[in-house]
């Protein structure tokens, strides 16, 4: 049965997360609804990364299987014009804060979640009042030692066990993650934390950012941050930063 990937982008402010939930509006439920309206049949999607309520994504994916030749021309080959027409229709149906960017055929065994090589997240913070950032970044008007933020972000590069930055009641077999990039940068009026890893735990990026901010504002030292990691105690991490500053930026599959 043919399998397709759907690339989506969304502003997560109005949604209770990525994955379908009972009695809640989610990204998946909106995309499944649009597909059902357009193609007049039910769709069940598998998601790549389960972003939390309020989290945004520049790039995320679903996949689905269908026995119907939804995008095929009469000669049984994919017709780019049919795909573009479907994209136009689907995006007309979807709310303004969700867009389908691509639909493309993949191998029958390709999996949008398990085949991902790495994921990139960014967290945006601004310190001076700006109405354009209200729903898409974290307003944090405190004096910040940027050099300390960079120093402590390098500790994360040398870490493998992230139990301290995983929220409790999570269903995982281990807390081992391989971090490829961990850095802070300045862009326009924001400071941005960027992290790339092979996998992320529940609440991990927000826990890292919140705890690093405590170092940047002098509430804890770099050594104390390292001790939080060493003790694997999530009670000592700070998960309080809001979801609105967090973006899933990219999912890397290599060559599908």
C-alpha atoms as a PDB file:
ATOM      1  CA  UNK A   1       0.000   0.000   0.000  1.00  0.00           C
ATOM      2  CA  UNK A   2       1.542   3.362  -1.013  1.00  0.00           C
ATOM      3  CA  UNK A   3       2.805   5.579   1.817  1.00  0.00           C
ATOM      4  CA  UNK A   4       2.977   9.365   1.773  1.00  0.00           C
ATOM      5  CA  UNK A   5       4.695  11.938   3.959  1.00  0.00           C
ATOM      6  CA  UNK A   6       2.987  15.266   4.710  1.00  0.00           C
ATOM      7  CA  UNK A   7       5.211  18.199   5.703  1.00  0.00           C
ATOM      8  CA  UNK A   8       3.404  20.732   7.888  1.00  0.00           C
ATOM      9  CA  UNK A   9       4.146  24.059   9.546  1.00  0.00           C
ATOM     10  CA  UNK A  10       2.017  25.648  12.249  1.00  0.00           C
ATOM     11  CA  UNK A  11       1.613  28.251  14.942  1.00  0.00           C
ATOM     12  CA  UNK A  12       0.697  26.222  17.998  1.00  0.00           C
ATOM     13  CA  UNK A  13      -0.893  28.962  20.112  1.00  0.00           C
ATOM     14  CA  UNK A  14      -4.503  27.762  19.766  1.00  0.00           C
ATOM     15  CA  UNK A  15      -3.812  24.037  19.929  1.00  0.00           C
ATOM     16  CA  UNK A  16      -3.551  21.436  22.679  1.00  0.00           C
ATOM     17  CA  UNK A  17      -0.532  19.865  21.034  1.00  0.00           C
ATOM     18  CA  UNK A  18       0.327  17.924  17.893  1.00  0.00           C
ATOM     19  CA  UNK A  19      -1.229  14.504  18.483  1.00  0.00           C
ATOM     20  CA  UNK A  20      -4.948  13.716  18.514  1.00  0.00           C
ATOM     21  CA  UNK A  21      -6.537  13.964  21.969  1.00  0.00           C
ATOM     22  CA  UNK A  22     -10.086  13.458  23.149  1.00  0.00           C
ATOM     23  CA  UNK A  23     -12.092  16.683  23.513  1.00  0.00           C
ATOM     24  CA  UNK A  24      -9.144  18.845  22.422  1.00  0.00           C
ATOM     25  CA  UNK A  25      -8.193  20.719  19.270  1.00  0.00           C
ATOM     26  CA  UNK A  26      -4.843  19.516  17.899  1.00  0.00           C
ATOM     27  CA  UNK A  27      -2.749  19.843  14.750  1.00  0.00           C
ATOM     28  CA  UNK A  28      -3.363  16.207  13.810  1.00  0.00           C
ATOM     29  CA  UNK A  29      -7.129  16.474  14.196  1.00  0.00           C
ATOM     30  CA  UNK A  30      -7.237  19.544  11.939  1.00  0.00           C
ATOM     31  CA  UNK A  31      -5.126  17.927   9.212  1.00  0.00           C
ATOM     32  CA  UNK A  32      -7.107  14.672   9.357  1.00  0.00           C
ATOM     33  CA  UNK A  33     -10.336  16.666   9.091  1.00  0.00           C
ATOM     34  CA  UNK A  34      -9.051  18.592   6.043  1.00  0.00           C
ATOM     35  CA  UNK A  35      -7.966  15.361   4.315  1.00  0.00           C
ATOM     36  CA  UNK A  36     -11.361  13.761   4.974  1.00  0.00           C
ATOM     37  CA  UNK A  37     -13.177  16.766   3.522  1.00  0.00           C
ATOM     38  CA  UNK A  38     -10.944  16.939   0.444  1.00  0.00           C
ATOM     39  CA  UNK A  39     -10.845  13.238  -0.383  1.00  0.00           C
ATOM     40  CA  UNK A  40     -14.214  12.198   1.130  1.00  0.00           C
ATOM     41  CA  UNK A  41     -12.756   9.378   3.188  1.00  0.00           C
ATOM     42  CA  UNK A  42     -11.312   9.066   6.722  1.00  0.00           C
ATOM     43  CA  UNK A  43      -7.560   9.374   7.290  1.00  0.00           C
ATOM     44  CA  UNK A  44      -5.486   8.174  10.242  1.00  0.00           C
ATOM     45  CA  UNK A  45      -2.116   9.936  10.420  1.00  0.00           C
ATOM     46  CA  UNK A  46       1.109   8.968  12.185  1.00  0.00           C
ATOM     47  CA  UNK A  47       3.070  11.920  13.540  1.00  0.00           C
ATOM     48  CA  UNK A  48       6.817  12.505  13.598  1.00  0.00           C
ATOM     49  CA  UNK A  49       7.268  14.680  16.706  1.00  0.00           C
ATOM     50  CA  UNK A  50       4.638  15.213  19.370  1.00  0.00           C
ATOM     51  CA  UNK A  51       4.988  18.883  20.169  1.00  0.00           C
ATOM     52  CA  UNK A  52       3.203  20.071  23.324  1.00  0.00           C
ATOM     53  CA  UNK A  53       0.370  22.562  23.636  1.00  0.00           C
ATOM     54  CA  UNK A  54       1.384  26.003  22.384  1.00  0.00           C
ATOM     55  CA  UNK A  55       4.616  24.851  20.699  1.00  0.00           C
ATOM     56  CA  UNK A  56       5.169  25.978  17.106  1.00  0.00           C
ATOM     57  CA  UNK A  57       6.774  24.150  14.188  1.00  0.00           C
ATOM     58  CA  UNK A  58       8.481  25.354  11.061  1.00  0.00           C
ATOM     59  CA  UNK A  59       8.720  21.727   9.994  1.00  0.00           C
ATOM     60  CA  UNK A  60       6.957  18.605  11.217  1.00  0.00           C
ATOM     61  CA  UNK A  61       5.664  15.525   9.435  1.00  0.00           C
ATOM     62  CA  UNK A  62       2.855  12.991   9.250  1.00  0.00           C
ATOM     63  CA  UNK A  63       2.629   9.863   7.188  1.00  0.00           C
ATOM     64  CA  UNK A  64      -0.361   7.899   5.942  1.00  0.00           C
ATOM     65  CA  UNK A  65      -1.137   4.871   3.776  1.00  0.00           C
ATOM     66  CA  UNK A  66      -3.835   4.716   1.151  1.00  0.00           C
ATOM     67  CA  UNK A  67      -4.961   2.151  -1.383  1.00  0.00           C
ATOM     68  CA  UNK A  68      -6.437   4.904  -3.556  1.00  0.00           C
ATOM     69  CA  UNK A  69      -4.507   6.541  -6.378  1.00  0.00           C
ATOM     70  CA  UNK A  70      -5.018  10.019  -4.935  1.00  0.00           C
ATOM     71  CA  UNK A  71      -2.217  11.724  -6.843  1.00  0.00           C
ATOM     72  CA  UNK A  72      -1.827   9.513  -9.906  1.00  0.00           C
ATOM     73  CA  UNK A  73      -2.442  10.334 -13.542  1.00  0.00           C
ATOM     74  CA  UNK A  74      -3.985   7.861 -15.986  1.00  0.00           C
ATOM     75  CA  UNK A  75      -0.595   6.233 -16.627  1.00  0.00           C
ATOM     76  CA  UNK A  76      -0.316   5.377 -12.891  1.00  0.00           C
ATOM     77  CA  UNK A  77       2.500   7.836 -12.184  1.00  0.00           C
ATOM     78  CA  UNK A  78       2.515  10.663  -9.649  1.00  0.00           C
ATOM     79  CA  UNK A  79       1.117  13.807 -11.280  1.00  0.00           C
ATOM     80  CA  UNK A  80       2.710  16.987  -9.871  1.00  0.00           C
ATOM     81  CA  UNK A  81      -0.270  19.069 -11.017  1.00  0.00           C
ATOM     82  CA  UNK A  82      -2.706  16.860  -9.087  1.00  0.00           C
ATOM     83  CA  UNK A  83      -0.506  17.133  -5.991  1.00  0.00           C
ATOM     84  CA  UNK A  84      -0.413  20.938  -6.259  1.00  0.00           C
ATOM     85  CA  UNK A  85      -4.174  21.107  -6.695  1.00  0.00           C
ATOM     86  CA  UNK A  86      -4.628  18.942  -3.609  1.00  0.00           C
ATOM     87  CA  UNK A  87      -2.242  21.158  -1.606  1.00  0.00           C
ATOM     88  CA  UNK A  88      -4.187  24.254  -2.644  1.00  0.00           C
ATOM     89  CA  UNK A  89      -7.503  22.681  -1.634  1.00  0.00           C
ATOM     90  CA  UNK A  90      -6.221  21.346   1.687  1.00  0.00           C
ATOM     91  CA  UNK A  91      -4.677  24.670   2.668  1.00  0.00           C
ATOM     92  CA  UNK A  92      -7.936  26.414   1.807  1.00  0.00           C
ATOM     93  CA  UNK A  93      -9.738  24.094   4.221  1.00  0.00           C
ATOM     94  CA  UNK A  94      -7.169  24.304   7.029  1.00  0.00           C
ATOM     95  CA  UNK A  95      -7.143  27.176   9.544  1.00  0.00           C
ATOM     96  CA  UNK A  96      -4.765  30.063   8.814  1.00  0.00           C
ATOM     97  CA  UNK A  97      -2.296  28.905  11.503  1.00  0.00           C
ATOM     98  CA  UNK A  98      -1.621  25.510   9.856  1.00  0.00           C
ATOM     99  CA  UNK A  99      -0.129  24.941   6.400  1.00  0.00           C
ATOM    100  CA  UNK A 100       0.688  21.781   4.470  1.00  0.00           C
ATOM    101  CA  UNK A 101       3.906  22.493   2.599  1.00  0.00           C
ATOM    102  CA  UNK A 102       4.464  19.192   0.786  1.00  0.00           C
ATOM    103  CA  UNK A 103       2.925  15.786   0.169  1.00  0.00           C
ATOM    104  CA  UNK A 104       5.246  13.209  -1.344  1.00  0.00           C
ATOM    105  CA  UNK A 105       5.421   9.463  -1.839  1.00  0.00           C
ATOM    106  CA  UNK A 106       8.015   7.465   0.140  1.00  0.00           C
ATOM    107  CA  UNK A 107       8.965   3.816   0.466  1.00  0.00           C
ATOM    108  CA  UNK A 108       6.308   1.526   1.896  1.00  0.00           C
ATOM    109  CA  UNK A 109       8.325   1.015   5.094  1.00  0.00           C
ATOM    110  CA  UNK A 110       9.384   4.639   5.645  1.00  0.00           C
ATOM    111  CA  UNK A 111       8.320   5.948   9.070  1.00  0.00           C
ATOM    112  CA  UNK A 112       8.139   9.653   9.809  1.00  0.00           C
ATOM    113  CA  UNK A 113       8.917   9.176  13.507  1.00  0.00           C
ATOM    114  CA  UNK A 114      11.382   6.298  13.670  1.00  0.00           C
ATOM    115  CA  UNK A 115      13.369   7.170  10.532  1.00  0.00           C
ATOM    116  CA  UNK A 116      14.270  10.659  11.760  1.00  0.00           C
ATOM    117  CA  UNK A 117      18.046  11.046  12.198  1.00  0.00           C
ATOM    118  CA  UNK A 118      17.852  14.262  14.206  1.00  0.00           C
ATOM    119  CA  UNK A 119      15.547  17.076  15.238  1.00  0.00           C
ATOM    120  CA  UNK A 120      16.356  20.762  15.676  1.00  0.00           C
ATOM    121  CA  UNK A 121      14.606  22.998  18.213  1.00  0.00           C
ATOM    122  CA  UNK A 122      14.979  26.708  18.913  1.00  0.00           C
ATOM    123  CA  UNK A 123      13.718  28.701  21.871  1.00  0.00           C
ATOM    124  CA  UNK A 124      13.131  32.467  21.469  1.00  0.00           C
ATOM    125  CA  UNK A 125      13.436  35.014  24.295  1.00  0.00           C
ATOM    126  CA  UNK A 126      13.045  38.812  24.181  1.00  0.00           C
ATOM    127  CA  UNK A 127      13.697  41.338  26.932  1.00  0.00           C
ATOM    128  CA  UNK A 128      12.019  44.536  25.681  1.00  0.00           C
ATOM    129  CA  UNK A 129       8.273  44.823  25.171  1.00  0.00           C
ATOM    130  CA  UNK A 130       7.332  43.957  21.592  1.00  0.00           C
ATOM    131  CA  UNK A 131       3.729  43.200  20.547  1.00  0.00           C
ATOM    132  CA  UNK A 132       4.863  41.132  17.569  1.00  0.00           C
ATOM    133  CA  UNK A 133       6.532  38.564  19.853  1.00  0.00           C
ATOM    134  CA  UNK A 134       3.634  38.241  22.309  1.00  0.00           C
ATOM    135  CA  UNK A 135       2.470  34.786  21.146  1.00  0.00           C
ATOM    136  CA  UNK A 136       5.715  33.510  19.645  1.00  0.00           C
ATOM    137  CA  UNK A 137       8.502  34.218  22.155  1.00  0.00           C
ATOM    138  CA  UNK A 138       9.096  34.458  25.900  1.00  0.00           C
ATOM    139  CA  UNK A 139       9.220  37.933  27.465  1.00  0.00           C
ATOM    140  CA  UNK A 140      12.029  37.789  30.037  1.00  0.00           C
ATOM    141  CA  UNK A 141      13.034  41.353  31.036  1.00  0.00           C
ATOM    142  CA  UNK A 142      15.994  40.524  33.262  1.00  0.00           C
ATOM    143  CA  UNK A 143      19.699  41.252  33.038  1.00  0.00           C
ATOM    144  CA  UNK A 144      21.356  38.296  31.354  1.00  0.00           C
ATOM    145  CA  UNK A 145      24.989  37.182  31.243  1.00  0.00           C
ATOM    146  CA  UNK A 146      25.142  35.882  27.677  1.00  0.00           C
ATOM    147  CA  UNK A 147      28.648  34.471  28.109  1.00  0.00           C
ATOM    148  CA  UNK A 148      27.397  32.331  31.004  1.00  0.00           C
ATOM    149  CA  UNK A 149      24.603  31.002  28.830  1.00  0.00           C
ATOM    150  CA  UNK A 150      27.131  29.966  26.193  1.00  0.00           C
ATOM    151  CA  UNK A 151      29.367  28.402  28.802  1.00  0.00           C
ATOM    152  CA  UNK A 152      26.625  26.307  30.297  1.00  0.00           C
ATOM    153  CA  UNK A 153      25.274  25.268  26.880  1.00  0.00           C
ATOM    154  CA  UNK A 154      28.635  23.610  26.183  1.00  0.00           C
ATOM    155  CA  UNK A 155      28.127  21.368  29.219  1.00  0.00           C
ATOM    156  CA  UNK A 156      25.057  19.976  27.489  1.00  0.00           C
ATOM    157  CA  UNK A 157      27.195  18.907  24.515  1.00  0.00           C
ATOM    158  CA  UNK A 158      29.168  16.607  26.798  1.00  0.00           C
ATOM    159  CA  UNK A 159      26.069  15.076  28.405  1.00  0.00           C
ATOM    160  CA  UNK A 160      24.369  11.801  27.495  1.00  0.00           C
ATOM    161  CA  UNK A 161      21.929  11.132  30.351  1.00  0.00           C
ATOM    162  CA  UNK A 162      19.160  13.750  30.414  1.00  0.00           C
ATOM    163  CA  UNK A 163      16.987  12.291  33.179  1.00  0.00           C
ATOM    164  CA  UNK A 164      17.238  15.640  34.995  1.00  0.00           C
ATOM    165  CA  UNK A 165      15.494  17.366  32.086  1.00  0.00           C
ATOM    166  CA  UNK A 166      12.683  14.902  31.494  1.00  0.00           C
ATOM    167  CA  UNK A 167       9.287  15.513  33.030  1.00  0.00           C
ATOM    168  CA  UNK A 168       8.014  12.775  35.289  1.00  0.00           C
ATOM    169  CA  UNK A 169       5.538  10.067  34.233  1.00  0.00           C
ATOM    170  CA  UNK A 170       7.147   9.743  30.831  1.00  0.00           C
ATOM    171  CA  UNK A 171       7.104   6.365  29.096  1.00  0.00           C
ATOM    172  CA  UNK A 172      10.658   5.865  27.869  1.00  0.00           C
ATOM    173  CA  UNK A 173      13.136   3.025  28.301  1.00  0.00           C
ATOM    174  CA  UNK A 174      16.108   5.326  28.906  1.00  0.00           C
ATOM    175  CA  UNK A 175      17.127   8.974  29.111  1.00  0.00           C
ATOM    176  CA  UNK A 176      20.128   8.796  26.770  1.00  0.00           C
ATOM    177  CA  UNK A 177      20.258  11.449  24.038  1.00  0.00           C
ATOM    178  CA  UNK A 178      23.028  12.363  21.621  1.00  0.00           C
ATOM    179  CA  UNK A 179      23.337  16.160  21.356  1.00  0.00           C
ATOM    180  CA  UNK A 180      24.933  17.453  18.141  1.00  0.00           C
ATOM    181  CA  UNK A 181      24.479  21.209  18.647  1.00  0.00           C
ATOM    182  CA  UNK A 182      23.840  23.238  21.800  1.00  0.00           C
ATOM    183  CA  UNK A 183      24.359  26.988  21.562  1.00  0.00           C
ATOM    184  CA  UNK A 184      22.899  30.426  22.212  1.00  0.00           C
ATOM    185  CA  UNK A 185      22.794  33.150  19.572  1.00  0.00           C
ATOM    186  CA  UNK A 186      21.541  36.711  19.183  1.00  0.00           C
ATOM    187  CA  UNK A 187      19.203  37.661  16.363  1.00  0.00           C
ATOM    188  CA  UNK A 188      17.413  40.984  16.044  1.00  0.00           C
ATOM    189  CA  UNK A 189      15.875  41.650  19.477  1.00  0.00           C
ATOM    190  CA  UNK A 190      15.950  38.028  20.633  1.00  0.00           C
ATOM    191  CA  UNK A 191      18.343  35.586  22.183  1.00  0.00           C
ATOM    192  CA  UNK A 192      17.801  32.092  20.851  1.00  0.00           C
ATOM    193  CA  UNK A 193      18.794  28.709  22.191  1.00  0.00           C
ATOM    194  CA  UNK A 194      19.380  26.115  19.461  1.00  0.00           C
ATOM    195  CA  UNK A 195      19.706  22.409  20.131  1.00  0.00           C
ATOM    196  CA  UNK A 196      19.967  19.451  17.749  1.00  0.00           C
ATOM    197  CA  UNK A 197      19.778  15.844  18.922  1.00  0.00           C
ATOM    198  CA  UNK A 198      18.879  12.371  17.788  1.00  0.00           C
ATOM    199  CA  UNK A 199      15.914  12.387  20.219  1.00  0.00           C
ATOM    200  CA  UNK A 200      14.298  14.548  22.875  1.00  0.00           C
ATOM    201  CA  UNK A 201      12.543  13.667  26.107  1.00  0.00           C
ATOM    202  CA  UNK A 202       9.233  15.092  27.299  1.00  0.00           C
ATOM    203  CA  UNK A 203       9.769  18.718  28.351  1.00  0.00           C
ATOM    204  CA  UNK A 204      13.511  18.461  27.733  1.00  0.00           C
ATOM    205  CA  UNK A 205      14.148  21.665  25.770  1.00  0.00           C
ATOM    206  CA  UNK A 206      12.054  23.807  28.103  1.00  0.00           C
ATOM    207  CA  UNK A 207      13.816  22.235  31.090  1.00  0.00           C
ATOM    208  CA  UNK A 208      17.207  23.009  29.608  1.00  0.00           C
ATOM    209  CA  UNK A 209      16.263  26.603  28.766  1.00  0.00           C
ATOM    210  CA  UNK A 210      14.653  27.325  32.128  1.00  0.00           C
ATOM    211  CA  UNK A 211      17.602  25.957  34.066  1.00  0.00           C
ATOM    212  CA  UNK A 212      20.172  27.738  31.885  1.00  0.00           C
ATOM    213  CA  UNK A 213      18.331  31.022  32.429  1.00  0.00           C
ATOM    214  CA  UNK A 214      18.914  30.578  36.154  1.00  0.00           C
ATOM    215  CA  UNK A 215      22.636  30.492  35.382  1.00  0.00           C
ATOM    216  CA  UNK A 216      22.395  33.493  33.065  1.00  0.00           C
ATOM    217  CA  UNK A 217      20.688  35.570  35.758  1.00  0.00           C
ATOM    218  CA  UNK A 218      23.065  34.427  38.511  1.00  0.00           C
ATOM    219  CA  UNK A 219      20.543  32.399  40.500  1.00  0.00           C
ATOM    220  CA  UNK A 220      22.714  29.290  40.255  1.00  0.00           C
ATOM    221  CA  UNK A 221      26.325  28.748  39.178  1.00  0.00           C
ATOM    222  CA  UNK A 222      27.678  26.796  36.251  1.00  0.00           C
ATOM    223  CA  UNK A 223      28.857  24.139  38.696  1.00  0.00           C
ATOM    224  CA  UNK A 224      25.398  23.896  40.218  1.00  0.00           C
ATOM    225  CA  UNK A 225      23.945  23.400  36.741  1.00  0.00           C
ATOM    226  CA  UNK A 226      26.410  20.566  36.153  1.00  0.00           C
ATOM    227  CA  UNK A 227      25.370  19.061  39.488  1.00  0.00           C
ATOM    228  CA  UNK A 228      21.715  19.038  38.413  1.00  0.00           C
ATOM    229  CA  UNK A 229      22.728  16.909  35.442  1.00  0.00           C
ATOM    230  CA  UNK A 230      24.951  14.629  37.521  1.00  0.00           C
ATOM    231  CA  UNK A 231      22.253  13.951  40.122  1.00  0.00           C
ATOM    232  CA  UNK A 232      19.615  13.174  37.457  1.00  0.00           C
ATOM    233  CA  UNK A 233      17.050  14.955  39.606  1.00  0.00           C
ATOM    234  CA  UNK A 234      14.317  16.640  37.570  1.00  0.00           C
ATOM    235  CA  UNK A 235      13.038  18.355  40.723  1.00  0.00           C
ATOM    236  CA  UNK A 236      16.102  20.618  40.521  1.00  0.00           C
ATOM    237  CA  UNK A 237      15.503  21.595  36.885  1.00  0.00           C
ATOM    238  CA  UNK A 238      13.287  24.524  35.901  1.00  0.00           C
ATOM    239  CA  UNK A 239      10.523  23.675  33.413  1.00  0.00           C
ATOM    240  CA  UNK A 240       8.613  26.921  33.947  1.00  0.00           C
ATOM    241  CA  UNK A 241       9.410  28.697  30.669  1.00  0.00           C
ATOM    242  CA  UNK A 242       6.274  28.897  28.496  1.00  0.00           C
ATOM    243  CA  UNK A 243       5.706  26.782  25.423  1.00  0.00           C
ATOM    244  CA  UNK A 244       5.121  29.788  23.153  1.00  0.00           C
ATOM    245  CA  UNK A 245       8.864  30.438  22.779  1.00  0.00           C
ATOM    246  CA  UNK A 246       9.605  26.917  21.496  1.00  0.00           C
ATOM    247  CA  UNK A 247       9.879  25.939  17.833  1.00  0.00           C
ATOM    248  CA  UNK A 248      10.485  22.602  16.161  1.00  0.00           C
ATOM    249  CA  UNK A 249      12.625  23.904  13.310  1.00  0.00           C
ATOM    250  CA  UNK A 250      13.732  20.876  11.339  1.00  0.00           C
ATOM    251  CA  UNK A 251      13.547  17.082  11.174  1.00  0.00           C
ATOM    252  CA  UNK A 252      16.410  15.442   9.307  1.00  0.00           C
ATOM    253  CA  UNK A 253      15.789  12.126   7.514  1.00  0.00           C
ATOM    254  CA  UNK A 254      18.916  12.039   5.419  1.00  0.00           C
ATOM    255  CA  UNK A 255      17.864  10.363   2.177  1.00  0.00           C
ATOM    256  CA  UNK A 256      14.431   8.754   2.299  1.00  0.00           C
END
